[in-house]
Structures are given as structure tokens and as C-alpha cells.
């Protein structure tokens, strides 16, 4: 059971990294569409900041899980 949990955490870490990279790829495609909405036009810098922070957190969290997995495996 413990081995299954370790494998799940590794897969979850890779999933977070992949989703984080996908967020970075998708942001330039989505921002022009958001800019067209008049309600959000004045808050574009804040929205851009939040989306990039989201991507950074996803990649960082996933990387931490992956590195922790391999660090524990070395011991």
C-alpha cells in the first residue's frame, strides 16, 4: 500500500508540472479574449499576474513532489 501511495504522489507531481506548463502556454491565447470583455479590460494586469502566479505555483508544487520522491528513494 505504501508503494502505491509513493507512485501516486509521483504521478500527481508530474501532473501538476504538466498542467503548470499548459497554463503558461495557454495564457497568451486567452488574454486577448479576456481583453475584449469590457468588464475586465481595466483589470488585465491583475488577471495576468494571477494567471502567471498560478502557473508558477503549479510547476513549483509538482517539482517539489517529484524531487521529494526521488530524494526519499535514494535513502
PDB file of N, CA and C in Angstrom:
ATOM      1  N   UNK A   1       0.821  -1.195   0.000  1.00  0.00           N
ATOM      2  CA  UNK A   1       0.000   0.000   0.000  1.00  0.00           C
ATOM      3  C   UNK A   1       0.864   1.258   0.000  1.00  0.00           C
ATOM      4  N   UNK A   2       1.940   1.233   0.764  1.00  0.00           N
ATOM      5  CA  UNK A   2       2.825   2.387   0.859  1.00  0.00           C
ATOM      6  C   UNK A   2       3.474   2.692  -0.492  1.00  0.00           C
ATOM      7  N   UNK A   3       3.814   1.643  -1.247  1.00  0.00           N
ATOM      8  CA  UNK A   3       4.416   1.820  -2.566  1.00  0.00           C
ATOM      9  C   UNK A   3       3.415   2.461  -3.530  1.00  0.00           C
ATOM     10  N   UNK A   4       2.129   2.081  -3.416  1.00  0.00           N
ATOM     11  CA  UNK A   4       1.101   2.683  -4.264  1.00  0.00           C
ATOM     12  C   UNK A   4       0.968   4.174  -3.984  1.00  0.00           C
ATOM     13  N   UNK A   5       1.062   4.536  -2.714  1.00  0.00           N
ATOM     14  CA  UNK A   5       0.960   5.953  -2.345  1.00  0.00           C
ATOM     15  C   UNK A   5       2.137   6.741  -2.904  1.00  0.00           C
ATOM     16  N   UNK A   6       3.334   6.171  -2.840  1.00  0.00           N
ATOM     17  CA  UNK A   6       4.511   6.847  -3.390  1.00  0.00           C
ATOM     18  C   UNK A   6       4.372   7.045  -4.893  1.00  0.00           C
ATOM     19  N   UNK A   7       3.898   6.006  -5.580  1.00  0.00           N
ATOM     20  CA  UNK A   7       3.706   6.116  -7.030  1.00  0.00           C
ATOM     21  C   UNK A   7       2.642   7.148  -7.368  1.00  0.00           C
ATOM     22  N   UNK A   8       1.573   7.180  -6.583  1.00  0.00           N
ATOM     23  CA  UNK A   8       0.523   8.167  -6.819  1.00  0.00           C
ATOM     24  C   UNK A   8       1.060   9.582  -6.641  1.00  0.00           C
ATOM     25  N   UNK A   9       1.867   9.795  -5.607  1.00  0.00           N
ATOM     26  CA  UNK A   9       2.438  11.126  -5.372  1.00  0.00           C
ATOM     27  C   UNK A   9       3.358  11.542  -6.515  1.00  0.00           C
ATOM     28  N   UNK A  10       4.104  10.587  -7.064  1.00  0.00           N
ATOM     29  CA  UNK A  10       4.974  10.889  -8.199  1.00  0.00           C
ATOM     30  C   UNK A  10       4.144  11.266  -9.426  1.00  0.00           C
ATOM     31  N   UNK A  11       3.103  10.498  -9.694  1.00  0.00           N
ATOM     32  CA  UNK A  11       2.229  10.798 -10.837  1.00  0.00           C
ATOM     33  C   UNK A  11       1.539  12.142 -10.632  1.00  0.00           C
ATOM     34  N   UNK A  12       1.096  12.408  -9.409  1.00  0.00           N
ATOM     35  CA  UNK A  12       0.447  13.683  -9.109  1.00  0.00           C
ATOM     36  C   UNK A  12       1.425  14.848  -9.315  1.00  0.00           C
ATOM     37  N   UNK A  13       2.673  14.671  -8.935  1.00  0.00           N
ATOM     38  CA  UNK A  13       3.682  15.709  -9.139  1.00  0.00           C
ATOM     39  C   UNK A  13       3.891  16.006 -10.613  1.00  0.00           C
ATOM     40  N   UNK A  14       4.005  14.949 -11.422  1.00  0.00           N
ATOM     41  CA  UNK A  14       4.166  15.155 -12.867  1.00  0.00           C
ATOM     42  C   UNK A  14       2.927  15.815 -13.467  1.00  0.00           C
ATOM     43  N   UNK A  15       1.749  15.448 -12.988  1.00  0.00           N
ATOM     44  CA  UNK A  15       0.516  16.066 -13.492  1.00  0.00           C
ATOM     45  C   UNK A  15       0.502  17.561 -13.184  1.00  0.00           C
ATOM     46  N   UNK A  16       0.925  17.937 -11.977  1.00  0.00           N
ATOM     47  CA  UNK A  16       0.972  19.353 -11.621  1.00  0.00           C
ATOM     48  C   UNK A  16       1.940  20.128 -12.511  1.00  0.00           C
ATOM     49  N   UNK A  17       3.092  19.541 -12.778  1.00  0.00           N
ATOM     50  CA  UNK A  17       4.077  20.216 -13.634  1.00  0.00           C
ATOM     51  C   UNK A  17       3.524  20.384 -15.044  1.00  0.00           C
ATOM     52  N   UNK A  18       2.906  19.345 -15.579  1.00  0.00           N
ATOM     53  CA  UNK A  18       2.358  19.417 -16.938  1.00  0.00           C
ATOM     54  C   UNK A  18       1.245  20.455 -17.021  1.00  0.00           C
ATOM     55  N   UNK A  19       0.368  20.481 -16.025  1.00  0.00           N
ATOM     56  CA  UNK A  19      -0.710  21.469 -16.024  1.00  0.00           C
ATOM     57  C   UNK A  19      -0.151  22.882 -15.879  1.00  0.00           C
ATOM     58  N   UNK A  20       0.889  23.046 -15.065  1.00  0.00           N
ATOM     59  CA  UNK A  20       1.518  24.362 -14.909  1.00  0.00           C
ATOM     60  C   UNK A  20       2.115  24.862 -16.216  1.00  0.00           C
ATOM     61  N   UNK A  21       2.789  23.978 -16.946  1.00  0.00           N
ATOM     62  CA  UNK A  21       3.347  24.350 -18.248  1.00  0.00           C
ATOM     63  C   UNK A  21       2.219  24.679 -19.224  1.00  0.00           C
ATOM     64  N   UNK A  22       1.137  23.916 -19.168  1.00  0.00           N
ATOM     65  CA  UNK A  22      -0.007  24.184 -20.048  1.00  0.00           C
ATOM     66  C   UNK A  22      -0.629  25.545 -19.757  1.00  0.00           C
ATOM     67  N   UNK A  23      -0.625  25.946 -18.494  1.00  0.00           N
ATOM     68  CA  UNK A  23      -1.138  27.277 -18.138  1.00  0.00           C
ATOM     69  C   UNK A  23      -0.283  28.353 -18.799  1.00  0.00           C
ATOM     70  N   UNK A  24       1.049  28.191 -18.737  1.00  0.00           N
ATOM     71  CA  UNK A  24       1.936  29.173 -19.374  1.00  0.00           C
ATOM     72  C   UNK A  24       1.721  29.233 -20.888  1.00  0.00           C
ATOM     73  N   UNK A  25       1.463  28.096 -21.508  1.00  0.00           N
ATOM     74  CA  UNK A  25       1.242  28.057 -22.948  1.00  0.00           C
ATOM     75  C   UNK A  25      -0.102  28.691 -23.310  1.00  0.00           C
ATOM     76  N   UNK A  26      -1.076  28.498 -22.464  1.00  0.00           N
ATOM     77  CA  UNK A  26      -2.446  28.950 -22.767  1.00  0.00           C
ATOM     78  C   UNK A  26      -2.681  30.436 -22.484  1.00  0.00           C
ATOM     79  N   UNK A  27      -1.929  31.033 -21.583  1.00  0.00           N
ATOM     80  CA  UNK A  27      -2.167  32.428 -21.193  1.00  0.00           C
ATOM     81  C   UNK A  27      -2.153  33.383 -22.390  1.00  0.00           C
ATOM     82  N   UNK A  28      -1.158  33.349 -23.277  1.00  0.00           N
ATOM     83  CA  UNK A  28      -1.181  34.294 -24.404  1.00  0.00           C
ATOM     84  C   UNK A  28      -2.367  34.095 -25.349  1.00  0.00           C
ATOM     85  N   UNK A  29      -2.935  32.909 -25.368  1.00  0.00           N
ATOM     86  CA  UNK A  29      -4.091  32.658 -26.234  1.00  0.00           C
ATOM     87  C   UNK A  29      -5.383  33.165 -25.610  1.00  0.00           C
ATOM     88  N   UNK A  30      -5.456  33.164 -24.292  1.00  0.00           N
ATOM     89  CA  UNK A  30      -6.693  33.523 -23.605  1.00  0.00           C
ATOM     90  C   UNK A  30      -6.784  35.019 -23.301  1.00  0.00           C
ATOM     91  N   UNK A  31      -5.666  35.663 -23.058  1.00  0.00           N
ATOM     92  CA  UNK A  31      -5.691  37.080 -22.678  1.00  0.00           C
ATOM     93  C   UNK A  31      -6.373  37.987 -23.700  1.00  0.00           C
ATOM     94  N   UNK A  32      -6.146  37.836 -25.004  1.00  0.00           N
ATOM     95  CA  UNK A  32      -6.871  38.706 -25.939  1.00  0.00           C
ATOM     96  C   UNK A  32      -8.392  38.544 -25.854  1.00  0.00           C
ATOM     97  N   UNK A  33      -8.838  37.338 -25.581  1.00  0.00           N
ATOM     98  CA  UNK A  33     -10.283  37.120 -25.435  1.00  0.00           C
ATOM     99  C   UNK A  33     -10.812  37.794 -24.175  1.00  0.00           C
ATOM    100  N   UNK A  34     -10.020  37.751 -23.102  1.00  0.00           N
ATOM    101  CA  UNK A  34     -10.435  38.405 -21.858  1.00  0.00           C
ATOM    102  C   UNK A  34     -10.433  39.919 -22.027  1.00  0.00           C
ATOM    103  N   UNK A  35      -9.470  40.447 -22.786  1.00  0.00           N
ATOM    104  CA  UNK A  35      -9.387  41.892 -23.011  1.00  0.00           C
ATOM    105  C   UNK A  35     -10.612  42.420 -23.762  1.00  0.00           C
ATOM    106  N   UNK A  36     -11.249  41.589 -24.536  1.00  0.00           N
ATOM    107  CA  UNK A  36     -12.433  42.019 -25.287  1.00  0.00           C
ATOM    108  C   UNK A  36     -13.654  42.206 -24.389  1.00  0.00           C
ATOM    109  N   UNK A  37     -13.645  41.612 -23.222  1.00  0.00           N
ATOM    110  CA  UNK A  37     -14.749  41.780 -22.286  1.00  0.00           C
ATOM    111  C   UNK A  37     -14.544  43.112 -21.562  1.00  0.00           C
ATOM    112  N   UNK A  38     -15.444  44.025 -21.749  1.00  0.00           N
ATOM    113  CA  UNK A  38     -15.282  45.380 -21.228  1.00  0.00           C
ATOM    114  C   UNK A  38     -15.207  45.416 -19.704  1.00  0.00           C
ATOM    115  N   UNK A  39     -15.870  44.502 -19.046  1.00  0.00           N
ATOM    116  CA  UNK A  39     -15.865  44.468 -17.591  1.00  0.00           C
ATOM    117  C   UNK A  39     -14.466  44.201 -17.037  1.00  0.00           C
ATOM    118  N   UNK A  40     -13.686  43.385 -17.741  1.00  0.00           N
ATOM    119  CA  UNK A  40     -12.357  43.004 -17.270  1.00  0.00           C
ATOM    120  C   UNK A  40     -11.227  43.801 -17.909  1.00  0.00           C
ATOM    121  N   UNK A  41     -11.520  44.707 -18.791  1.00  0.00           N
ATOM    122  CA  UNK A  41     -10.485  45.441 -19.516  1.00  0.00           C
ATOM    123  C   UNK A  41      -9.560  46.228 -18.585  1.00  0.00           C
ATOM    124  N   UNK A  42     -10.096  46.758 -17.520  1.00  0.00           N
ATOM    125  CA  UNK A  42      -9.264  47.574 -16.628  1.00  0.00           C
ATOM    126  C   UNK A  42      -8.436  46.727 -15.662  1.00  0.00           C
ATOM    127  N   UNK A  43      -8.745  45.459 -15.533  1.00  0.00           N
ATOM    128  CA  UNK A  43      -8.032  44.606 -14.571  1.00  0.00           C
ATOM    129  C   UNK A  43      -7.108  43.597 -15.250  1.00  0.00           C
ATOM    130  N   UNK A  44      -6.760  43.820 -16.489  1.00  0.00           N
ATOM    131  CA  UNK A  44      -5.916  42.884 -17.228  1.00  0.00           C
ATOM    132  C   UNK A  44      -4.561  42.659 -16.547  1.00  0.00           C
ATOM    133  N   UNK A  45      -3.874  43.685 -16.052  1.00  0.00           N
ATOM    134  CA  UNK A  45      -2.589  43.410 -15.378  1.00  0.00           C
ATOM    135  C   UNK A  45      -2.753  42.488 -14.162  1.00  0.00           C
ATOM    136  N   UNK A  46      -3.796  42.696 -13.391  1.00  0.00           N
ATOM    137  CA  UNK A  46      -4.052  41.848 -12.229  1.00  0.00           C
ATOM    138  C   UNK A  46      -4.374  40.416 -12.657  1.00  0.00           C
ATOM    139  N   UNK A  47      -5.183  40.252 -13.679  1.00  0.00           N
ATOM    140  CA  UNK A  47      -5.532  38.917 -14.184  1.00  0.00           C
ATOM    141  C   UNK A  47      -4.293  38.215 -14.717  1.00  0.00           C
ATOM    142  N   UNK A  48      -3.466  38.945 -15.463  1.00  0.00           N
ATOM    143  CA  UNK A  48      -2.231  38.359 -15.992  1.00  0.00           C
ATOM    144  C   UNK A  48      -1.310  37.918 -14.861  1.00  0.00           C
ATOM    145  N   UNK A  49      -1.164  38.759 -13.849  1.00  0.00           N
ATOM    146  CA  UNK A  49      -0.336  38.428 -12.695  1.00  0.00           C
ATOM    147  C   UNK A  49      -0.845  37.159 -12.006  1.00  0.00           C
ATOM    148  N   UNK A  50      -2.140  37.084 -11.793  1.00  0.00           N
ATOM    149  CA  UNK A  50      -2.724  35.920 -11.116  1.00  0.00           C
ATOM    150  C   UNK A  50      -2.537  34.642 -11.929  1.00  0.00           C
ATOM    151  N   UNK A  51      -2.694  34.715 -13.231  1.00  0.00           N
ATOM    152  CA  UNK A  51      -2.527  33.527 -14.065  1.00  0.00           C
ATOM    153  C   UNK A  51      -1.082  33.043 -14.058  1.00  0.00           C
ATOM    154  N   UNK A  52      -0.135  33.975 -14.115  1.00  0.00           N
ATOM    155  CA  UNK A  52       1.268  33.567 -14.079  1.00  0.00           C
ATOM    156  C   UNK A  52       1.659  33.019 -12.705  1.00  0.00           C
ATOM    157  N   UNK A  53       1.124  33.603 -11.641  1.00  0.00           N
ATOM    158  CA  UNK A  53       1.381  33.060 -10.297  1.00  0.00           C
ATOM    159  C   UNK A  53       0.807  31.651 -10.190  1.00  0.00           C
ATOM    160  N   UNK A  54      -0.369  31.426 -10.745  1.00  0.00           N
ATOM    161  CA  UNK A  54      -0.967  30.091 -10.739  1.00  0.00           C
ATOM    162  C   UNK A  54      -0.054  29.079 -11.434  1.00  0.00           C
ATOM    163  N   UNK A  55       0.469  29.440 -12.588  1.00  0.00           N
ATOM    164  CA  UNK A  55       1.383  28.560 -13.305  1.00  0.00           C
ATOM    165  C   UNK A  55       2.652  28.283 -12.522  1.00  0.00           C
ATOM    166  N   UNK A  56       3.199  29.319 -11.893  1.00  0.00           N
ATOM    167  CA  UNK A  56       4.421  29.151 -11.096  1.00  0.00           C
ATOM    168  C   UNK A  56       4.166  28.226  -9.911  1.00  0.00           C
ATOM    169  N   UNK A  57       3.043  28.413  -9.241  1.00  0.00           N
ATOM    170  CA  UNK A  57       2.731  27.566  -8.094  1.00  0.00           C
ATOM    171  C   UNK A  57       2.531  26.107  -8.506  1.00  0.00           C
ATOM    172  N   UNK A  58       1.873  25.875  -9.625  1.00  0.00           N
ATOM    173  CA  UNK A  58       1.667  24.505 -10.093  1.00  0.00           C
ATOM    174  C   UNK A  58       2.994  23.821 -10.416  1.00  0.00           C
ATOM    175  N   UNK A  59       3.851  24.509 -11.154  1.00  0.00           N
ATOM    176  CA  UNK A  59       5.138  23.921 -11.531  1.00  0.00           C
ATOM    177  C   UNK A  59       6.009  23.721 -10.287  1.00  0.00           C
ATOM    178  N   UNK A  60       6.024  24.685  -9.386  1.00  0.00           N
ATOM    179  CA  UNK A  60       6.834  24.577  -8.174  1.00  0.00           C
ATOM    180  C   UNK A  60       6.347  23.433  -7.284  1.00  0.00           C
ATOM    181  N   UNK A  61       5.043  23.348  -7.083  1.00  0.00           N
ATOM    182  CA  UNK A  61       4.499  22.286  -6.242  1.00  0.00           C
ATOM    183  C   UNK A  61       4.747  20.907  -6.829  1.00  0.00           C
ATOM    184  N   UNK A  62       4.547  20.776  -8.131  1.00  0.00           N
ATOM    185  CA  UNK A  62       4.815  19.497  -8.784  1.00  0.00           C
ATOM    186  C   UNK A  62       6.282  19.122  -8.734  1.00  0.00           C
ATOM    187  N   UNK A  63       7.144  20.088  -8.946  1.00  0.00           N
ATOM    188  CA  UNK A  63       8.589  19.826  -8.893  1.00  0.00           C
ATOM    189  C   UNK A  63       9.013  19.391  -7.494  1.00  0.00           C
ATOM    190  N   UNK A  64       8.440  20.016  -6.486  1.00  0.00           N
ATOM    191  CA  UNK A  64       8.767  19.646  -5.111  1.00  0.00           C
ATOM    192  C   UNK A  64       8.362  18.203  -4.835  1.00  0.00           C
ATOM    193  N   UNK A  65       7.177  17.799  -5.299  1.00  0.00           N
ATOM    194  CA  UNK A  65       6.739  16.417  -5.100  1.00  0.00           C
ATOM    195  C   UNK A  65       7.675  15.438  -5.809  1.00  0.00           C
ATOM    196  N   UNK A  66       8.079  15.774  -7.020  1.00  0.00           N
ATOM    197  CA  UNK A  66       8.967  14.889  -7.783  1.00  0.00           C
ATOM    198  C   UNK A  66      10.320  14.778  -7.097  1.00  0.00           C
ATOM    199  N   UNK A  67      10.910  15.908  -6.703  1.00  0.00           N
ATOM    200  CA  UNK A  67      12.218  15.881  -6.052  1.00  0.00           C
ATOM    201  C   UNK A  67      12.161  15.161  -4.709  1.00  0.00           C
ATOM    202  N   UNK A  68      11.089  15.377  -3.947  1.00  0.00           N
ATOM    203  CA  UNK A  68      10.943  14.674  -2.670  1.00  0.00           C
ATOM    204  C   UNK A  68      10.850  13.172  -2.886  1.00  0.00           C
ATOM    205  N   UNK A  69      10.161  12.758  -3.930  1.00  0.00           N
ATOM    206  CA  UNK A  69      10.034  11.331  -4.223  1.00  0.00           C
ATOM    207  C   UNK A  69      11.394  10.705  -4.493  1.00  0.00           C
ATOM    208  N   UNK A  70      12.183  11.344  -5.337  1.00  0.00           N
ATOM    209  CA  UNK A  70      13.481  10.784  -5.680  1.00  0.00           C
ATOM    210  C   UNK A  70      14.481  10.915  -4.529  1.00  0.00           C
ATOM    211  N   UNK A  71      14.324  11.945  -3.705  1.00  0.00           N
ATOM    212  CA  UNK A  71      15.199  12.100  -2.547  1.00  0.00           C
ATOM    213  C   UNK A  71      14.945  10.975  -1.535  1.00  0.00           C
ATOM    214  N   UNK A  72      13.683  10.638  -1.310  1.00  0.00           N
ATOM    215  CA  UNK A  72      13.332   9.556  -0.393  1.00  0.00           C
ATOM    216  C   UNK A  72      13.741   8.210  -0.966  1.00  0.00           C
ATOM    217  N   UNK A  73      13.663   8.081  -2.286  1.00  0.00           N
ATOM    218  CA  UNK A  73      14.019   6.814  -2.937  1.00  0.00           C
ATOM    219  C   UNK A  73      15.502   6.544  -2.822  1.00  0.00           C
ATOM    220  N   UNK A  74      16.335   7.607  -2.818  1.00  0.00           N
ATOM    221  CA  UNK A  74      17.785   7.449  -2.700  1.00  0.00           C
ATOM    222  C   UNK A  74      18.186   6.875  -1.350  1.00  0.00           C
ATOM    223  N   UNK A  75      17.447   7.264  -0.319  1.00  0.00           N
ATOM    224  CA  UNK A  75      17.784   6.826   1.041  1.00  0.00           C
ATOM    225  C   UNK A  75      17.552   5.403   1.182  1.00  0.00           C
TER     226      UNK A  75
END
